[in-house]
């Protein structure tokens, strides 16, 4: 009587995914965080290089 239908988990996930997008997986989120951190650190390095180049030329 209480046996689930063989399609219940798959059908539920498929209907949910078609109705609304799945939330990003933890691995995707960690990858995005890593990319954001890498880009922000690269921007900081570029800004530091830019200011270090501008300051000596301006003072000299």
PDB file of N, CA and C in Angstrom:
ATOM      1  N   UNK A   1       0.832  -1.200   0.000  1.00  0.00           N
ATOM      2  CA  UNK A   1       0.000   0.000   0.000  1.00  0.00           C
ATOM      3  C   UNK A   1       0.879   1.268   0.000  1.00  0.00           C
ATOM      4  N   UNK A   2       1.955   1.260   0.816  1.00  0.00           N
ATOM      5  CA  UNK A   2       2.765   2.464   0.963  1.00  0.00           C
ATOM      6  C   UNK A   2       3.957   2.482   0.005  1.00  0.00           C
ATOM      7  N   UNK A   3       3.994   1.574  -0.953  1.00  0.00           N
ATOM      8  CA  UNK A   3       5.131   1.555  -1.880  1.00  0.00           C
ATOM      9  C   UNK A   3       5.072   2.766  -2.816  1.00  0.00           C
ATOM     10  N   UNK A   4       6.162   3.536  -2.902  1.00  0.00           N
ATOM     11  CA  UNK A   4       6.164   4.720  -3.773  1.00  0.00           C
ATOM     12  C   UNK A   4       6.212   4.326  -5.240  1.00  0.00           C
ATOM     13  N   UNK A   5       5.737   5.190  -6.091  1.00  0.00           N
ATOM     14  CA  UNK A   5       5.804   4.901  -7.519  1.00  0.00           C
ATOM     15  C   UNK A   5       7.259   4.991  -7.973  1.00  0.00           C
ATOM     16  N   UNK A   6       7.690   4.191  -8.944  1.00  0.00           N
ATOM     17  CA  UNK A   6       9.102   4.157  -9.337  1.00  0.00           C
ATOM     18  C   UNK A   6       9.590   5.490  -9.909  1.00  0.00           C
ATOM     19  N   UNK A   7       8.661   6.336 -10.340  1.00  0.00           N
ATOM     20  CA  UNK A   7       9.061   7.580 -11.001  1.00  0.00           C
ATOM     21  C   UNK A   7       8.989   8.777 -10.065  1.00  0.00           C
ATOM     22  N   UNK A   8       8.522   8.592  -8.833  1.00  0.00           N
ATOM     23  CA  UNK A   8       8.224   9.756  -7.987  1.00  0.00           C
ATOM     24  C   UNK A   8       9.422  10.694  -7.779  1.00  0.00           C
ATOM     25  N   UNK A   9      10.614  10.226  -7.382  1.00  0.00           N
ATOM     26  CA  UNK A   9      11.709  11.183  -7.155  1.00  0.00           C
ATOM     27  C   UNK A   9      12.131  11.893  -8.442  1.00  0.00           C
ATOM     28  N   UNK A  10      12.274  11.140  -9.526  1.00  0.00           N
ATOM     29  CA  UNK A  10      12.713  11.744 -10.779  1.00  0.00           C
ATOM     30  C   UNK A  10      11.674  12.712 -11.316  1.00  0.00           C
ATOM     31  N   UNK A  11      10.404  12.309 -11.276  1.00  0.00           N
ATOM     32  CA  UNK A  11       9.350  13.179 -11.795  1.00  0.00           C
ATOM     33  C   UNK A  11       9.276  14.459 -10.972  1.00  0.00           C
ATOM     34  N   UNK A  12       9.456  14.336  -9.661  1.00  0.00           N
ATOM     35  CA  UNK A  12       9.387  15.527  -8.812  1.00  0.00           C
ATOM     36  C   UNK A  12      10.523  16.482  -9.141  1.00  0.00           C
ATOM     37  N   UNK A  13      11.740  15.964  -9.263  1.00  0.00           N
ATOM     38  CA  UNK A  13      12.877  16.837  -9.545  1.00  0.00           C
ATOM     39  C   UNK A  13      12.747  17.442 -10.940  1.00  0.00           C
ATOM     40  N   UNK A  14      12.266  16.652 -11.893  1.00  0.00           N
ATOM     41  CA  UNK A  14      12.118  17.178 -13.253  1.00  0.00           C
ATOM     42  C   UNK A  14      11.064  18.275 -13.292  1.00  0.00           C
ATOM     43  N   UNK A  15       9.934  18.066 -12.621  1.00  0.00           N
ATOM     44  CA  UNK A  15       8.880  19.081 -12.637  1.00  0.00           C
ATOM     45  C   UNK A  15       9.361  20.341 -11.925  1.00  0.00           C
ATOM     46  N   UNK A  16      10.123  20.180 -10.840  1.00  0.00           N
ATOM     47  CA  UNK A  16      10.630  21.347 -10.121  1.00  0.00           C
ATOM     48  C   UNK A  16      11.647  22.106 -10.970  1.00  0.00           C
ATOM     49  N   UNK A  17      12.529  21.378 -11.640  1.00  0.00           N
ATOM     50  CA  UNK A  17      13.563  22.043 -12.428  1.00  0.00           C
ATOM     51  C   UNK A  17      12.953  22.739 -13.641  1.00  0.00           C
ATOM     52  N   UNK A  18      11.878  22.169 -14.186  1.00  0.00           N
ATOM     53  CA  UNK A  18      11.250  22.818 -15.336  1.00  0.00           C
ATOM     54  C   UNK A  18      10.428  24.016 -14.890  1.00  0.00           C
ATOM     55  N   UNK A  19       9.885  23.965 -13.678  1.00  0.00           N
ATOM     56  CA  UNK A  19       9.074  25.071 -13.176  1.00  0.00           C
ATOM     57  C   UNK A  19       9.959  26.237 -12.765  1.00  0.00           C
ATOM     58  N   UNK A  20      11.074  25.944 -12.124  1.00  0.00           N
ATOM     59  CA  UNK A  20      11.980  27.011 -11.680  1.00  0.00           C
ATOM     60  C   UNK A  20      13.410  26.488 -11.749  1.00  0.00           C
ATOM     61  N   UNK A  21      14.383  27.354 -12.000  1.00  0.00           N
ATOM     62  CA  UNK A  21      15.777  26.891 -12.102  1.00  0.00           C
ATOM     63  C   UNK A  21      16.288  26.375 -10.771  1.00  0.00           C
ATOM     64  N   UNK A  22      17.149  25.380 -10.846  1.00  0.00           N
ATOM     65  CA  UNK A  22      17.732  24.832  -9.621  1.00  0.00           C
ATOM     66  C   UNK A  22      18.696  25.839  -9.005  1.00  0.00           C
ATOM     67  N   UNK A  23      18.793  25.880  -7.692  1.00  0.00           N
ATOM     68  CA  UNK A  23      19.790  26.747  -7.063  1.00  0.00           C
ATOM     69  C   UNK A  23      21.185  26.245  -7.393  1.00  0.00           C
ATOM     70  N   UNK A  24      22.164  27.121  -7.492  1.00  0.00           N
ATOM     71  CA  UNK A  24      23.519  26.683  -7.828  1.00  0.00           C
ATOM     72  C   UNK A  24      24.064  25.717  -6.791  1.00  0.00           C
ATOM     73  N   UNK A  25      24.804  24.755  -7.245  1.00  0.00           N
ATOM     74  CA  UNK A  25      25.364  23.764  -6.332  1.00  0.00           C
ATOM     75  C   UNK A  25      26.485  24.391  -5.508  1.00  0.00           C
ATOM     76  N   UNK A  26      26.803  23.826  -4.352  1.00  0.00           N
ATOM     77  CA  UNK A  26      27.889  24.370  -3.520  1.00  0.00           C
ATOM     78  C   UNK A  26      29.206  24.485  -4.277  1.00  0.00           C
ATOM     79  N   UNK A  27      29.482  23.527  -5.153  1.00  0.00           N
ATOM     80  CA  UNK A  27      30.742  23.588  -5.899  1.00  0.00           C
ATOM     81  C   UNK A  27      30.747  24.794  -6.832  1.00  0.00           C
ATOM     82  N   UNK A  28      29.597  25.090  -7.437  1.00  0.00           N
ATOM     83  CA  UNK A  28      29.516  26.259  -8.309  1.00  0.00           C
ATOM     84  C   UNK A  28      29.679  27.533  -7.506  1.00  0.00           C
ATOM     85  N   UNK A  29      29.055  27.576  -6.331  1.00  0.00           N
ATOM     86  CA  UNK A  29      29.163  28.768  -5.489  1.00  0.00           C
ATOM     87  C   UNK A  29      30.604  28.985  -5.055  1.00  0.00           C
ATOM     88  N   UNK A  30      31.286  27.921  -4.642  1.00  0.00           N
ATOM     89  CA  UNK A  30      32.678  28.064  -4.204  1.00  0.00           C
ATOM     90  C   UNK A  30      33.550  28.494  -5.380  1.00  0.00           C
ATOM     91  N   UNK A  31      33.253  27.990  -6.569  1.00  0.00           N
ATOM     92  CA  UNK A  31      33.999  28.395  -7.752  1.00  0.00           C
ATOM     93  C   UNK A  31      33.800  29.870  -8.053  1.00  0.00           C
ATOM     94  N   UNK A  32      32.551  30.344  -7.917  1.00  0.00           N
ATOM     95  CA  UNK A  32      32.276  31.759  -8.148  1.00  0.00           C
ATOM     96  C   UNK A  32      32.988  32.616  -7.117  1.00  0.00           C
ATOM     97  N   UNK A  33      32.959  32.181  -5.855  1.00  0.00           N
ATOM     98  CA  UNK A  33      33.639  32.941  -4.804  1.00  0.00           C
ATOM     99  C   UNK A  33      35.130  33.026  -5.101  1.00  0.00           C
ATOM    100  N   UNK A  34      35.710  31.910  -5.573  1.00  0.00           N
ATOM    101  CA  UNK A  34      37.135  31.905  -5.901  1.00  0.00           C
ATOM    102  C   UNK A  34      37.429  32.871  -7.042  1.00  0.00           C
ATOM    103  N   UNK A  35      36.567  32.855  -8.071  1.00  0.00           N
ATOM    104  CA  UNK A  35      36.772  33.759  -9.199  1.00  0.00           C
ATOM    105  C   UNK A  35      36.671  35.208  -8.758  1.00  0.00           C
ATOM    106  N   UNK A  36      35.674  35.506  -7.938  1.00  0.00           N
ATOM    107  CA  UNK A  36      35.502  36.882  -7.454  1.00  0.00           C
ATOM    108  C   UNK A  36      36.711  37.304  -6.636  1.00  0.00           C
ATOM    109  N   UNK A  37      37.192  36.407  -5.780  1.00  0.00           N
ATOM    110  CA  UNK A  37      38.355  36.731  -4.956  1.00  0.00           C
ATOM    111  C   UNK A  37      39.588  36.941  -5.839  1.00  0.00           C
ATOM    112  N   UNK A  38      39.768  36.098  -6.840  1.00  0.00           N
ATOM    113  CA  UNK A  38      40.923  36.231  -7.724  1.00  0.00           C
ATOM    114  C   UNK A  38      40.850  37.540  -8.506  1.00  0.00           C
ATOM    115  N   UNK A  39      39.657  37.873  -9.003  1.00  0.00           N
ATOM    116  CA  UNK A  39      39.513  39.115  -9.761  1.00  0.00           C
ATOM    117  C   UNK A  39      39.739  40.325  -8.877  1.00  0.00           C
ATOM    118  N   UNK A  40      39.201  40.296  -7.670  1.00  0.00           N
ATOM    119  CA  UNK A  40      39.367  41.449  -6.777  1.00  0.00           C
ATOM    120  C   UNK A  40      40.840  41.615  -6.396  1.00  0.00           C
ATOM    121  N   UNK A  41      41.537  40.513  -6.142  1.00  0.00           N
ATOM    122  CA  UNK A  41      42.957  40.614  -5.798  1.00  0.00           C
ATOM    123  C   UNK A  41      43.756  41.116  -7.003  1.00  0.00           C
ATOM    124  N   UNK A  42      43.372  40.692  -8.199  1.00  0.00           N
ATOM    125  CA  UNK A  42      44.050  41.173  -9.399  1.00  0.00           C
ATOM    126  C   UNK A  42      43.812  42.667  -9.572  1.00  0.00           C
ATOM    127  N   UNK A  43      42.591  43.114  -9.301  1.00  0.00           N
ATOM    128  CA  UNK A  43      42.297  44.547  -9.398  1.00  0.00           C
ATOM    129  C   UNK A  43      43.120  45.330  -8.391  1.00  0.00           C
ATOM    130  N   UNK A  44      43.264  44.800  -7.183  1.00  0.00           N
ATOM    131  CA  UNK A  44      44.061  45.487  -6.167  1.00  0.00           C
ATOM    132  C   UNK A  44      45.514  45.592  -6.616  1.00  0.00           C
ATOM    133  N   UNK A  45      46.056  44.523  -7.196  1.00  0.00           N
ATOM    134  CA  UNK A  45      47.441  44.550  -7.670  1.00  0.00           C
ATOM    135  C   UNK A  45      47.603  45.584  -8.781  1.00  0.00           C
ATOM    136  N   UNK A  46      46.628  45.627  -9.685  1.00  0.00           N
ATOM    137  CA  UNK A  46      46.701  46.590 -10.793  1.00  0.00           C
ATOM    138  C   UNK A  46      46.646  48.009 -10.250  1.00  0.00           C
ATOM    139  N   UNK A  47      45.771  48.247  -9.283  1.00  0.00           N
ATOM    140  CA  UNK A  47      45.658  49.590  -8.711  1.00  0.00           C
ATOM    141  C   UNK A  47      46.954  49.966  -8.003  1.00  0.00           C
ATOM    142  N   UNK A  48      47.542  49.014  -7.280  1.00  0.00           N
ATOM    143  CA  UNK A  48      48.800  49.302  -6.583  1.00  0.00           C
ATOM    144  C   UNK A  48      49.905  49.620  -7.584  1.00  0.00           C
ATOM    145  N   UNK A  49      49.972  48.840  -8.662  1.00  0.00           N
ATOM    146  CA  UNK A  49      50.985  49.103  -9.678  1.00  0.00           C
ATOM    147  C   UNK A  49      50.750  50.463 -10.315  1.00  0.00           C
ATOM    148  N   UNK A  50      49.483  50.776 -10.587  1.00  0.00           N
ATOM    149  CA  UNK A  50      49.165  52.058 -11.201  1.00  0.00           C
ATOM    150  C   UNK A  50      49.547  53.216 -10.303  1.00  0.00           C
ATOM    151  N   UNK A  51      49.238  53.130  -9.023  1.00  0.00           N
ATOM    152  CA  UNK A  51      49.560  54.227  -8.107  1.00  0.00           C
ATOM    153  C   UNK A  51      51.067  54.304  -7.894  1.00  0.00           C
ATOM    154  N   UNK A  52      51.747  53.163  -7.824  1.00  0.00           N
ATOM    155  CA  UNK A  52      53.194  53.187  -7.604  1.00  0.00           C
ATOM    156  C   UNK A  52      53.905  53.765  -8.829  1.00  0.00           C
ATOM    157  N   UNK A  53      53.314  53.601 -10.008  1.00  0.00           N
ATOM    158  CA  UNK A  53      53.914  54.183 -11.212  1.00  0.00           C
ATOM    159  C   UNK A  53      53.614  55.675 -11.292  1.00  0.00           C
ATOM    160  N   UNK A  54      52.416  56.053 -10.867  1.00  0.00           N
ATOM    161  CA  UNK A  54      52.006  57.458 -10.994  1.00  0.00           C
ATOM    162  C   UNK A  54      52.716  58.320  -9.951  1.00  0.00           C
ATOM    163  N   UNK A  55      52.828  57.821  -8.717  1.00  0.00           N
ATOM    164  CA  UNK A  55      53.390  58.641  -7.643  1.00  0.00           C
ATOM    165  C   UNK A  55      54.844  59.053  -7.913  1.00  0.00           C
ATOM    166  N   UNK A  56      55.747  58.125  -8.278  1.00  0.00           N
ATOM    167  CA  UNK A  56      57.131  58.551  -8.532  1.00  0.00           C
ATOM    168  C   UNK A  56      57.222  59.541  -9.690  1.00  0.00           C
ATOM    169  N   UNK A  57      56.445  59.336 -10.749  1.00  0.00           N
ATOM    170  CA  UNK A  57      56.511  60.246 -11.886  1.00  0.00           C
ATOM    171  C   UNK A  57      55.962  61.618 -11.499  1.00  0.00           C
ATOM    172  N   UNK A  58      54.936  61.646 -10.640  1.00  0.00           N
ATOM    173  CA  UNK A  58      54.365  62.921 -10.215  1.00  0.00           C
ATOM    174  C   UNK A  58      55.303  63.656  -9.274  1.00  0.00           C
ATOM    175  N   UNK A  59      56.001  62.917  -8.405  1.00  0.00           N
ATOM    176  CA  UNK A  59      56.898  63.567  -7.440  1.00  0.00           C
ATOM    177  C   UNK A  59      58.210  63.979  -8.109  1.00  0.00           C
ATOM    178  N   UNK A  60      58.556  63.320  -9.205  1.00  0.00           N
ATOM    179  CA  UNK A  60      59.811  63.637  -9.851  1.00  0.00           C
ATOM    180  C   UNK A  60      59.592  64.631 -10.932  1.00  0.00           C
TER     181      UNK A  60
END
